[in-house]
Amino acid sequence: MRKPDSFRTVRILDNFYQTSSFFPMPVVLVCTVAESGQMNLGPYSLCFPYTVAGDTYQMVFNTRDNSNTAVNLRRTGLCTLNFIPDDRKYMRNCVMLGYPGETTEEKMGNSIFTLQPSMRGEEERTAAVRYPDIVAEALQVFECSLDSFQIDEQTHAQRSILTIDKVLLKEKWYRVLVEGRKHFPNLPIDYGFRNNAHFWFTRHRPPYREPIPKSKAVSVDSVMWAITRGGFAEQLEWSEEAAAKLVAIPRVFLNVALRGIVEEARRAGITRITTEFLDTVRDKRSKDRGR
């Protein structure tokens, strides 16, 4: 058996995610509105999900505090996050658009991307506000508003919390998502700036899936006991067949799942939890398909 390589300690430098490690990141074109009214595109990778459950969904977005994007975001409180496909000509243009120190006018003169108006409805708009455009070439777009931001005076880093107001998908990928197909969009992965000469990207490969191990599942009796102990059976009748649908839920999340099922049943006027009802509840996209 081959002996595994040993680890060595790496000196941690500024921008550690790219100078001291290999860290895969997204590539997002952020559109903001400059003070002149012109649209400004800036490519970023330090943009990740932040609040993922509840009534509000958010992203955390890290920038320099004096970048065009950061200044525009603080002033207007609005931006769009545009997820562009993995195409080398797009990545080449992102490197050009990301060069620091240029004005919006200088930068956008080099842009190859097509802009189209925000898709916010009239009821989502405020009079006299100019909303950031979306990139027509993107596969997916988040239209966002600024919830809060913090600036580190020493490092000049700005951390912004963005509330996702609207998620847009091209028709093809909307269908893939809603219908649960196995296809995934071809999105680029960024490994950052290295060796003072190049940005490094890698191509997307189709994901593979691994089922939840049966050994991690709880028993039907355990689910029924949790239903009784948690008071979830006080106004509802549960079948063992329905309980069997829940055995793959990790024990630590079971009460949360049961609470959500009860709330859905009350909204639907259901008094007996059946496998058919659970299928509808578990299928988060059933409403999109008209079920």
C-alpha atoms as a PDB file:
ATOM      1  CA  MET A   1       0.000   0.000   0.000  1.00  0.00           C
ATOM      2  CA  ARG A   2       1.362   3.384  -0.997  1.00  0.00           C
ATOM      3  CA  LYS A   3       2.291   5.611   1.905  1.00  0.00           C
ATOM      4  CA  PRO A   4       0.288   8.868   1.822  1.00  0.00           C
ATOM      5  CA  ASP A   5       2.130  12.145   1.375  1.00  0.00           C
ATOM      6  CA  SER A   6       2.859  13.981   4.586  1.00  0.00           C
ATOM      7  CA  PHE A   7       1.494  17.469   5.281  1.00  0.00           C
ATOM      8  CA  ARG A   8       3.610  20.598   5.424  1.00  0.00           C
ATOM      9  CA  THR A   9       2.693  23.868   7.069  1.00  0.00           C
ATOM     10  CA  VAL A  10       2.112  26.728   4.633  1.00  0.00           C
ATOM     11  CA  ARG A  11       2.827  30.304   5.632  1.00  0.00           C
ATOM     12  CA  ILE A  12      -0.479  32.187   5.654  1.00  0.00           C
ATOM     13  CA  LEU A  13      -0.334  35.305   3.494  1.00  0.00           C
ATOM     14  CA  ASP A  14      -2.800  38.043   2.595  1.00  0.00           C
ATOM     15  CA  ASN A  15      -5.600  36.720   0.392  1.00  0.00           C
ATOM     16  CA  PHE A  16      -4.908  33.329   1.989  1.00  0.00           C
ATOM     17  CA  TYR A  17      -7.664  31.617  -0.019  1.00  0.00           C
ATOM     18  CA  GLN A  18      -5.570  31.964  -3.172  1.00  0.00           C
ATOM     19  CA  THR A  19      -1.990  32.560  -1.974  1.00  0.00           C
ATOM     20  CA  SER A  20      -1.836  29.825   0.689  1.00  0.00           C
ATOM     21  CA  SER A  21      -4.413  27.279  -0.443  1.00  0.00           C
ATOM     22  CA  PHE A  22      -6.471  25.866  -3.291  1.00  0.00           C
ATOM     23  CA  PHE A  23      -9.984  27.187  -2.764  1.00  0.00           C
ATOM     24  CA  PRO A  24     -12.694  26.771  -5.450  1.00  0.00           C
ATOM     25  CA  MET A  25     -14.995  29.778  -5.783  1.00  0.00           C
ATOM     26  CA  PRO A  26     -17.851  30.983  -8.010  1.00  0.00           C
ATOM     27  CA  VAL A  27     -17.493  33.649 -10.696  1.00  0.00           C
ATOM     28  CA  VAL A  28     -20.163  36.331 -10.377  1.00  0.00           C
ATOM     29  CA  LEU A  29     -20.567  39.512 -12.409  1.00  0.00           C
ATOM     30  CA  VAL A  30     -21.984  42.148 -10.063  1.00  0.00           C
ATOM     31  CA  CYS A  31     -23.928  44.977 -11.682  1.00  0.00           C
ATOM     32  CA  THR A  32     -24.395  48.278  -9.833  1.00  0.00           C
ATOM     33  CA  VAL A  33     -25.452  51.773 -10.910  1.00  0.00           C
ATOM     34  CA  ALA A  34     -22.722  54.424 -10.956  1.00  0.00           C
ATOM     35  CA  GLU A  35     -23.390  57.992  -9.807  1.00  0.00           C
ATOM     36  CA  SER A  36     -23.530  59.033 -13.468  1.00  0.00           C
ATOM     37  CA  GLY A  37     -26.346  56.529 -14.046  1.00  0.00           C
ATOM     38  CA  GLN A  38     -24.140  54.209 -16.114  1.00  0.00           C
ATOM     39  CA  MET A  39     -24.188  50.513 -15.324  1.00  0.00           C
ATOM     40  CA  ASN A  40     -21.003  49.114 -13.773  1.00  0.00           C
ATOM     41  CA  LEU A  41     -19.945  45.458 -14.046  1.00  0.00           C
ATOM     42  CA  GLY A  42     -17.410  43.975 -11.658  1.00  0.00           C
ATOM     43  CA  PRO A  43     -16.374  40.299 -11.436  1.00  0.00           C
ATOM     44  CA  TYR A  44     -16.174  38.794  -7.944  1.00  0.00           C
ATOM     45  CA  SER A  45     -15.689  35.401  -6.347  1.00  0.00           C
ATOM     46  CA  LEU A  46     -16.037  36.127  -2.610  1.00  0.00           C
ATOM     47  CA  CYS A  47     -19.827  35.906  -2.730  1.00  0.00           C
ATOM     48  CA  PHE A  48     -21.505  33.066  -0.835  1.00  0.00           C
ATOM     49  CA  PRO A  49     -24.882  32.047   0.690  1.00  0.00           C
ATOM     50  CA  TYR A  50     -25.382  33.539   4.161  1.00  0.00           C
ATOM     51  CA  THR A  51     -28.983  33.237   5.441  1.00  0.00           C
ATOM     52  CA  VAL A  52     -30.471  30.127   3.833  1.00  0.00           C
ATOM     53  CA  ALA A  53     -33.723  29.468   5.739  1.00  0.00           C
ATOM     54  CA  GLY A  54     -36.610  31.506   7.123  1.00  0.00           C
ATOM     55  CA  ASP A  55     -38.435  34.500   5.718  1.00  0.00           C
ATOM     56  CA  THR A  56     -35.327  36.193   4.290  1.00  0.00           C
ATOM     57  CA  TYR A  57     -32.581  34.739   2.089  1.00  0.00           C
ATOM     58  CA  GLN A  58     -29.201  36.441   1.924  1.00  0.00           C
ATOM     59  CA  MET A  59     -25.683  36.392   0.471  1.00  0.00           C
ATOM     60  CA  VAL A  60     -22.449  37.639   2.058  1.00  0.00           C
ATOM     61  CA  PHE A  61     -20.351  39.658  -0.379  1.00  0.00           C
ATOM     62  CA  ASN A  62     -16.746  40.780   0.252  1.00  0.00           C
ATOM     63  CA  THR A  63     -15.104  43.645  -1.660  1.00  0.00           C
ATOM     64  CA  ARG A  64     -12.564  46.428  -1.297  1.00  0.00           C
ATOM     65  CA  ASP A  65     -14.360  49.407   0.260  1.00  0.00           C
ATOM     66  CA  ASN A  66     -13.171  51.789  -2.490  1.00  0.00           C
ATOM     67  CA  SER A  67     -14.029  49.641  -5.520  1.00  0.00           C
ATOM     68  CA  ASN A  68     -16.609  50.994  -7.962  1.00  0.00           C
ATOM     69  CA  THR A  69     -18.956  48.183  -6.958  1.00  0.00           C
ATOM     70  CA  ALA A  70     -18.636  48.804  -3.207  1.00  0.00           C
ATOM     71  CA  VAL A  71     -19.117  52.579  -3.549  1.00  0.00           C
ATOM     72  CA  ASN A  72     -22.159  52.138  -5.804  1.00  0.00           C
ATOM     73  CA  LEU A  73     -23.646  49.512  -3.504  1.00  0.00           C
ATOM     74  CA  ARG A  74     -23.364  51.741  -0.432  1.00  0.00           C
ATOM     75  CA  ARG A  75     -24.927  54.669  -2.300  1.00  0.00           C
ATOM     76  CA  THR A  76     -27.833  52.871  -4.006  1.00  0.00           C
ATOM     77  CA  GLY A  77     -28.333  49.774  -1.845  1.00  0.00           C
ATOM     78  CA  LEU A  78     -28.933  47.645  -4.958  1.00  0.00           C
ATOM     79  CA  CYS A  79     -27.089  45.170  -7.180  1.00  0.00           C
ATOM     80  CA  THR A  80     -27.559  42.123  -9.377  1.00  0.00           C
ATOM     81  CA  LEU A  81     -25.430  38.975  -9.107  1.00  0.00           C
ATOM     82  CA  ASN A  82     -25.038  37.488 -12.580  1.00  0.00           C
ATOM     83  CA  PHE A  83     -23.816  33.884 -12.877  1.00  0.00           C
ATOM     84  CA  ILE A  84     -22.302  33.621 -16.348  1.00  0.00           C
ATOM     85  CA  PRO A  85     -21.550  30.320 -18.134  1.00  0.00           C
ATOM     86  CA  ASP A  86     -18.089  28.808 -18.379  1.00  0.00           C
ATOM     87  CA  ASP A  87     -16.808  30.268 -21.621  1.00  0.00           C
ATOM     88  CA  ARG A  88     -13.178  31.274 -21.988  1.00  0.00           C
ATOM     89  CA  LYS A  89     -13.989  34.537 -23.758  1.00  0.00           C
ATOM     90  CA  TYR A  90     -16.207  35.498 -20.800  1.00  0.00           C
ATOM     91  CA  MET A  91     -13.485  34.639 -18.280  1.00  0.00           C
ATOM     92  CA  ARG A  92     -10.947  36.639 -20.286  1.00  0.00           C
ATOM     93  CA  ASN A  93     -13.279  39.630 -20.227  1.00  0.00           C
ATOM     94  CA  CYS A  94     -13.887  39.192 -16.477  1.00  0.00           C
ATOM     95  CA  VAL A  95     -10.137  39.491 -15.874  1.00  0.00           C
ATOM     96  CA  MET A  96     -10.156  42.745 -17.843  1.00  0.00           C
ATOM     97  CA  LEU A  97     -13.235  44.095 -16.062  1.00  0.00           C
ATOM     98  CA  GLY A  98     -11.712  43.253 -12.688  1.00  0.00           C
ATOM     99  CA  TYR A  99      -8.609  45.387 -13.171  1.00  0.00           C
ATOM    100  CA  PRO A 100      -8.567  47.907 -10.271  1.00  0.00           C
ATOM    101  CA  GLY A 101      -8.269  51.673 -10.613  1.00  0.00           C
ATOM    102  CA  GLU A 102     -10.369  52.239 -13.726  1.00  0.00           C
ATOM    103  CA  THR A 103     -13.472  54.401 -13.826  1.00  0.00           C
ATOM    104  CA  THR A 104     -16.818  52.925 -14.806  1.00  0.00           C
ATOM    105  CA  GLU A 105     -16.573  54.622 -18.200  1.00  0.00           C
ATOM    106  CA  GLU A 106     -13.093  53.190 -18.866  1.00  0.00           C
ATOM    107  CA  LYS A 107     -14.042  49.722 -17.670  1.00  0.00           C
ATOM    108  CA  MET A 108     -17.368  49.383 -19.474  1.00  0.00           C
ATOM    109  CA  GLY A 109     -15.757  50.388 -22.762  1.00  0.00           C
ATOM    110  CA  ASN A 110     -14.116  46.940 -22.672  1.00  0.00           C
ATOM    111  CA  SER A 111     -17.210  44.938 -21.714  1.00  0.00           C
ATOM    112  CA  ILE A 112     -18.487  42.309 -24.152  1.00  0.00           C
ATOM    113  CA  PHE A 113     -21.610  41.573 -22.123  1.00  0.00           C
ATOM    114  CA  THR A 114     -25.175  42.534 -23.057  1.00  0.00           C
ATOM    115  CA  LEU A 115     -27.264  44.339 -20.448  1.00  0.00           C
ATOM    116  CA  GLN A 116     -31.037  44.274 -20.136  1.00  0.00           C
ATOM    117  CA  PRO A 117     -33.392  45.972 -17.641  1.00  0.00           C
ATOM    118  CA  SER A 118     -34.237  44.597 -14.217  1.00  0.00           C
ATOM    119  CA  MET A 119     -37.127  42.135 -14.131  1.00  0.00           C
ATOM    120  CA  ARG A 120     -38.622  43.537 -10.944  1.00  0.00           C
ATOM    121  CA  GLY A 121     -42.369  44.008 -11.321  1.00  0.00           C
ATOM    122  CA  GLU A 122     -44.100  47.356 -10.860  1.00  0.00           C
ATOM    123  CA  GLU A 123     -45.168  46.348  -7.350  1.00  0.00           C
ATOM    124  CA  GLU A 124     -41.499  45.658  -6.474  1.00  0.00           C
ATOM    125  CA  ARG A 125     -40.194  49.014  -7.655  1.00  0.00           C
ATOM    126  CA  THR A 126     -39.850  52.404  -6.018  1.00  0.00           C
ATOM    127  CA  ALA A 127     -40.527  55.504  -8.087  1.00  0.00           C
ATOM    128  CA  ALA A 128     -37.451  57.384  -9.357  1.00  0.00           C
ATOM    129  CA  VAL A 129     -35.104  54.525  -8.447  1.00  0.00           C
ATOM    130  CA  ARG A 130     -32.893  53.176 -11.219  1.00  0.00           C
ATOM    131  CA  TYR A 131     -32.380  49.462 -10.728  1.00  0.00           C
ATOM    132  CA  PRO A 132     -29.221  47.635 -11.843  1.00  0.00           C
ATOM    133  CA  ASP A 133     -29.431  45.798 -15.138  1.00  0.00           C
ATOM    134  CA  ILE A 134     -29.014  42.048 -15.554  1.00  0.00           C
ATOM    135  CA  VAL A 135     -26.511  40.353 -17.859  1.00  0.00           C
ATOM    136  CA  ALA A 136     -28.314  38.731 -20.781  1.00  0.00           C
ATOM    137  CA  GLU A 137     -25.618  36.034 -21.159  1.00  0.00           C
ATOM    138  CA  ALA A 138     -26.051  34.871 -17.541  1.00  0.00           C
ATOM    139  CA  LEU A 139     -27.649  31.518 -16.738  1.00  0.00           C
ATOM    140  CA  GLN A 140     -28.862  32.703 -13.346  1.00  0.00           C
ATOM    141  CA  VAL A 141     -29.347  36.124 -11.728  1.00  0.00           C
ATOM    142  CA  PHE A 142     -29.999  37.246  -8.147  1.00  0.00           C
ATOM    143  CA  GLU A 143     -31.585  40.701  -7.879  1.00  0.00           C
ATOM    144  CA  CYS A 144     -30.496  41.959  -4.461  1.00  0.00           C
ATOM    145  CA  SER A 145     -30.817  44.827  -2.019  1.00  0.00           C
ATOM    146  CA  LEU A 146     -28.270  45.798   0.618  1.00  0.00           C
ATOM    147  CA  ASP A 147     -29.256  44.783   4.146  1.00  0.00           C
ATOM    148  CA  SER A 148     -26.114  45.965   5.973  1.00  0.00           C
ATOM    149  CA  PHE A 149     -22.375  46.435   5.544  1.00  0.00           C
ATOM    150  CA  GLN A 150     -19.225  46.686   7.656  1.00  0.00           C
ATOM    151  CA  ILE A 151     -15.894  48.262   6.698  1.00  0.00           C
ATOM    152  CA  ASP A 152     -12.569  47.322   8.269  1.00  0.00           C
ATOM    153  CA  GLU A 153     -10.647  50.600   8.423  1.00  0.00           C
ATOM    154  CA  GLN A 154      -7.260  48.855   8.536  1.00  0.00           C
ATOM    155  CA  THR A 155      -7.683  46.443   5.636  1.00  0.00           C
ATOM    156  CA  HIS A 156     -10.251  48.503   3.666  1.00  0.00           C
ATOM    157  CA  ALA A 157     -12.378  45.377   3.308  1.00  0.00           C
ATOM    158  CA  GLN A 158     -16.129  45.759   3.003  1.00  0.00           C
ATOM    159  CA  ARG A 159     -18.439  42.940   4.019  1.00  0.00           C
ATOM    160  CA  SER A 160     -21.976  43.382   2.701  1.00  0.00           C
ATOM    161  CA  ILE A 161     -25.056  41.344   3.520  1.00  0.00           C
ATOM    162  CA  LEU A 162     -27.314  41.202   0.463  1.00  0.00           C
ATOM    163  CA  THR A 163     -30.985  40.237   0.643  1.00  0.00           C
ATOM    164  CA  ILE A 164     -32.082  38.210  -2.376  1.00  0.00           C
ATOM    165  CA  ASP A 165     -35.232  39.859  -3.725  1.00  0.00           C
ATOM    166  CA  LYS A 166     -35.614  37.762  -6.871  1.00  0.00           C
ATOM    167  CA  VAL A 167     -33.960  34.705  -8.432  1.00  0.00           C
ATOM    168  CA  LEU A 168     -34.040  34.456 -12.234  1.00  0.00           C
ATOM    169  CA  LEU A 169     -33.177  31.383 -14.293  1.00  0.00           C
ATOM    170  CA  LYS A 170     -33.011  30.971 -18.052  1.00  0.00           C
ATOM    171  CA  GLU A 171     -35.943  28.867 -19.276  1.00  0.00           C
ATOM    172  CA  LYS A 172     -33.833  25.726 -19.858  1.00  0.00           C
ATOM    173  CA  TRP A 173     -32.414  25.736 -16.345  1.00  0.00           C
ATOM    174  CA  TYR A 174     -35.760  26.687 -14.798  1.00  0.00           C
ATOM    175  CA  ARG A 175     -37.167  23.474 -16.292  1.00  0.00           C
ATOM    176  CA  VAL A 176     -34.209  21.417 -15.068  1.00  0.00           C
ATOM    177  CA  LEU A 177     -34.651  22.761 -11.528  1.00  0.00           C
ATOM    178  CA  VAL A 178     -38.429  22.453 -11.372  1.00  0.00           C
ATOM    179  CA  GLU A 179     -38.599  19.027 -12.977  1.00  0.00           C
ATOM    180  CA  GLY A 180     -35.724  17.631 -10.929  1.00  0.00           C
ATOM    181  CA  ARG A 181     -33.565  16.591 -13.872  1.00  0.00           C
ATOM    182  CA  LYS A 182     -29.994  15.448 -13.312  1.00  0.00           C
ATOM    183  CA  HIS A 183     -28.412  18.084 -15.554  1.00  0.00           C
ATOM    184  CA  PHE A 184     -26.428  20.965 -14.086  1.00  0.00           C
ATOM    185  CA  PRO A 185     -25.422  24.278 -15.693  1.00  0.00           C
ATOM    186  CA  ASN A 186     -21.874  24.711 -16.888  1.00  0.00           C
ATOM    187  CA  LEU A 187     -20.616  27.329 -14.420  1.00  0.00           C
ATOM    188  CA  PRO A 188     -16.932  28.305 -14.043  1.00  0.00           C
ATOM    189  CA  ILE A 189     -14.837  27.755 -10.923  1.00  0.00           C
ATOM    190  CA  ASP A 190     -12.210  30.319  -9.955  1.00  0.00           C
ATOM    191  CA  TYR A 191      -8.985  29.471  -8.096  1.00  0.00           C
ATOM    192  CA  GLY A 192      -7.880  33.072  -7.883  1.00  0.00           C
ATOM    193  CA  PHE A 193      -4.849  35.148  -8.831  1.00  0.00           C
ATOM    194  CA  ARG A 194      -1.490  33.337  -8.591  1.00  0.00           C
ATOM    195  CA  ASN A 195       2.182  33.989  -9.327  1.00  0.00           C
ATOM    196  CA  ASN A 196       1.510  37.665 -10.122  1.00  0.00           C
ATOM    197  CA  ALA A 197       0.699  36.761 -13.714  1.00  0.00           C
ATOM    198  CA  HIS A 198      -2.543  34.813 -14.206  1.00  0.00           C
ATOM    199  CA  PHE A 199      -6.013  34.136 -12.935  1.00  0.00           C
ATOM    200  CA  TRP A 200      -6.806  30.432 -12.825  1.00  0.00           C
ATOM    201  CA  PHE A 201     -10.164  28.903 -13.724  1.00  0.00           C
ATOM    202  CA  THR A 202     -11.286  25.318 -14.122  1.00  0.00           C
ATOM    203  CA  ARG A 203     -14.107  23.824 -16.128  1.00  0.00           C
ATOM    204  CA  HIS A 204     -17.260  22.422 -14.600  1.00  0.00           C
ATOM    205  CA  ARG A 205     -17.706  18.638 -14.603  1.00  0.00           C
ATOM    206  CA  PRO A 206     -21.079  16.884 -14.183  1.00  0.00           C
ATOM    207  CA  PRO A 207     -21.783  16.169 -10.491  1.00  0.00           C
ATOM    208  CA  TYR A 208     -22.321  12.635  -9.257  1.00  0.00           C
ATOM    209  CA  ARG A 209     -24.671  11.578  -6.473  1.00  0.00           C
ATOM    210  CA  GLU A 210     -24.308   9.399  -3.402  1.00  0.00           C
ATOM    211  CA  PRO A 211     -27.374   8.096  -1.510  1.00  0.00           C
ATOM    212  CA  ILE A 212     -27.819   8.610   2.233  1.00  0.00           C
ATOM    213  CA  PRO A 213     -26.427   5.498   4.015  1.00  0.00           C
ATOM    214  CA  LYS A 214     -29.179   3.235   5.326  1.00  0.00           C
ATOM    215  CA  SER A 215     -27.229   2.892   8.565  1.00  0.00           C
ATOM    216  CA  LYS A 216     -27.874   6.594   9.265  1.00  0.00           C
ATOM    217  CA  ALA A 217     -31.660   6.254   8.994  1.00  0.00           C
ATOM    218  CA  VAL A 218     -33.865   6.090  12.096  1.00  0.00           C
ATOM    219  CA  SER A 219     -36.538   3.400  12.508  1.00  0.00           C
ATOM    220  CA  VAL A 220     -40.268   3.879  11.910  1.00  0.00           C
ATOM    221  CA  ASP A 221     -40.827   3.310  15.638  1.00  0.00           C
ATOM    222  CA  SER A 222     -38.389   6.131  16.424  1.00  0.00           C
ATOM    223  CA  VAL A 223     -40.266   8.474  14.093  1.00  0.00           C
ATOM    224  CA  MET A 224     -43.644   7.552  15.643  1.00  0.00           C
ATOM    225  CA  TRP A 225     -42.184   8.073  19.119  1.00  0.00           C
ATOM    226  CA  ALA A 226     -40.877  11.512  18.116  1.00  0.00           C
ATOM    227  CA  ILE A 227     -44.310  12.404  16.714  1.00  0.00           C
ATOM    228  CA  THR A 228     -46.012  11.439  19.986  1.00  0.00           C
ATOM    229  CA  ARG A 229     -43.398  12.884  22.328  1.00  0.00           C
ATOM    230  CA  GLY A 230     -43.284  16.200  20.450  1.00  0.00           C
ATOM    231  CA  GLY A 231     -47.057  16.659  20.549  1.00  0.00           C
ATOM    232  CA  PHE A 232     -47.334  16.424  16.764  1.00  0.00           C
ATOM    233  CA  ALA A 233     -50.156  13.872  17.002  1.00  0.00           C
ATOM    234  CA  GLU A 234     -52.498  15.980  19.137  1.00  0.00           C
ATOM    235  CA  GLN A 235     -54.596  17.242  16.229  1.00  0.00           C
ATOM    236  CA  LEU A 236     -53.328  15.011  13.430  1.00  0.00           C
ATOM    237  CA  GLU A 237     -53.462  11.324  12.619  1.00  0.00           C
ATOM    238  CA  TRP A 238     -50.224   9.794  11.301  1.00  0.00           C
ATOM    239  CA  SER A 239     -49.976   6.513   9.398  1.00  0.00           C
ATOM    240  CA  GLU A 240     -46.966   4.239   9.791  1.00  0.00           C
ATOM    241  CA  GLU A 241     -46.523   4.419   6.018  1.00  0.00           C
ATOM    242  CA  ALA A 242     -46.147   8.189   6.341  1.00  0.00           C
ATOM    243  CA  ALA A 243     -43.666   7.782   9.197  1.00  0.00           C
ATOM    244  CA  ALA A 244     -41.641   5.413   7.014  1.00  0.00           C
ATOM    245  CA  LYS A 245     -41.187   8.279   4.544  1.00  0.00           C
ATOM    246  CA  LEU A 246     -39.271  10.208   7.216  1.00  0.00           C
ATOM    247  CA  VAL A 247     -36.698   7.637   8.323  1.00  0.00           C
ATOM    248  CA  ALA A 248     -33.929   9.172   6.170  1.00  0.00           C
ATOM    249  CA  ILE A 249     -34.146  12.508   8.025  1.00  0.00           C
ATOM    250  CA  PRO A 250     -31.209  12.838  10.465  1.00  0.00           C
ATOM    251  CA  ARG A 251     -32.410  12.607  14.050  1.00  0.00           C
ATOM    252  CA  VAL A 252     -31.174  16.104  14.892  1.00  0.00           C
ATOM    253  CA  PHE A 253     -33.461  17.588  12.188  1.00  0.00           C
ATOM    254  CA  LEU A 254     -36.503  15.366  12.772  1.00  0.00           C
ATOM    255  CA  ASN A 255     -38.448  17.696  15.097  1.00  0.00           C
ATOM    256  CA  VAL A 256     -37.889  20.627  12.739  1.00  0.00           C
ATOM    257  CA  ALA A 257     -39.198  18.549   9.839  1.00  0.00           C
ATOM    258  CA  LEU A 258     -42.237  17.372  11.820  1.00  0.00           C
ATOM    259  CA  ARG A 259     -43.049  20.936  12.835  1.00  0.00           C
ATOM    260  CA  GLY A 260     -42.949  22.012   9.191  1.00  0.00           C
ATOM    261  CA  ILE A 261     -45.235  19.140   8.163  1.00  0.00           C
ATOM    262  CA  VAL A 262     -47.768  20.090  10.845  1.00  0.00           C
ATOM    263  CA  GLU A 263     -47.763  23.724   9.696  1.00  0.00           C
ATOM    264  CA  GLU A 264     -48.290  22.664   6.068  1.00  0.00           C
ATOM    265  CA  ALA A 265     -51.144  20.351   7.126  1.00  0.00           C
ATOM    266  CA  ARG A 266     -52.872  23.149   9.020  1.00  0.00           C
ATOM    267  CA  ARG A 267     -52.589  25.490   6.039  1.00  0.00           C
ATOM    268  CA  ALA A 268     -54.008  22.790   3.775  1.00  0.00           C
ATOM    269  CA  GLY A 269     -56.792  21.807   6.205  1.00  0.00           C
ATOM    270  CA  ILE A 270     -55.397  18.248   6.460  1.00  0.00           C
ATOM    271  CA  THR A 271     -56.179  16.099   9.517  1.00  0.00           C
ATOM    272  CA  ARG A 272     -54.475  12.847   8.443  1.00  0.00           C
ATOM    273  CA  ILE A 273     -50.854  12.699   7.331  1.00  0.00           C
ATOM    274  CA  THR A 274     -50.564  10.319   4.378  1.00  0.00           C
ATOM    275  CA  THR A 275     -47.694   9.363   2.105  1.00  0.00           C
ATOM    276  CA  GLU A 276     -49.309  11.341  -0.716  1.00  0.00           C
ATOM    277  CA  PHE A 277     -49.436  14.489   1.400  1.00  0.00           C
ATOM    278  CA  LEU A 278     -45.805  14.036   2.469  1.00  0.00           C
ATOM    279  CA  ASP A 279     -44.765  13.662  -1.156  1.00  0.00           C
ATOM    280  CA  THR A 280     -46.303  17.058  -1.845  1.00  0.00           C
ATOM    281  CA  VAL A 281     -44.686  18.653   1.210  1.00  0.00           C
ATOM    282  CA  ARG A 282     -41.250  17.189   0.489  1.00  0.00           C
ATOM    283  CA  ASP A 283     -41.409  18.277  -3.131  1.00  0.00           C
ATOM    284  CA  LYS A 284     -40.494  21.948  -2.714  1.00  0.00           C
ATOM    285  CA  ARG A 285     -41.126  22.567  -6.413  1.00  0.00           C
ATOM    286  CA  SER A 286     -44.606  21.031  -6.598  1.00  0.00           C
ATOM    287  CA  LYS A 287     -46.272  24.468  -6.758  1.00  0.00           C
ATOM    288  CA  ASP A 288     -44.030  25.466  -9.687  1.00  0.00           C
ATOM    289  CA  ARG A 289     -45.292  22.434 -11.585  1.00  0.00           C
ATOM    290  CA  GLY A 290     -48.917  23.226 -10.752  1.00  0.00           C
ATOM    291  CA  ARG A 291     -49.344  20.257  -8.419  1.00  0.00           C
END
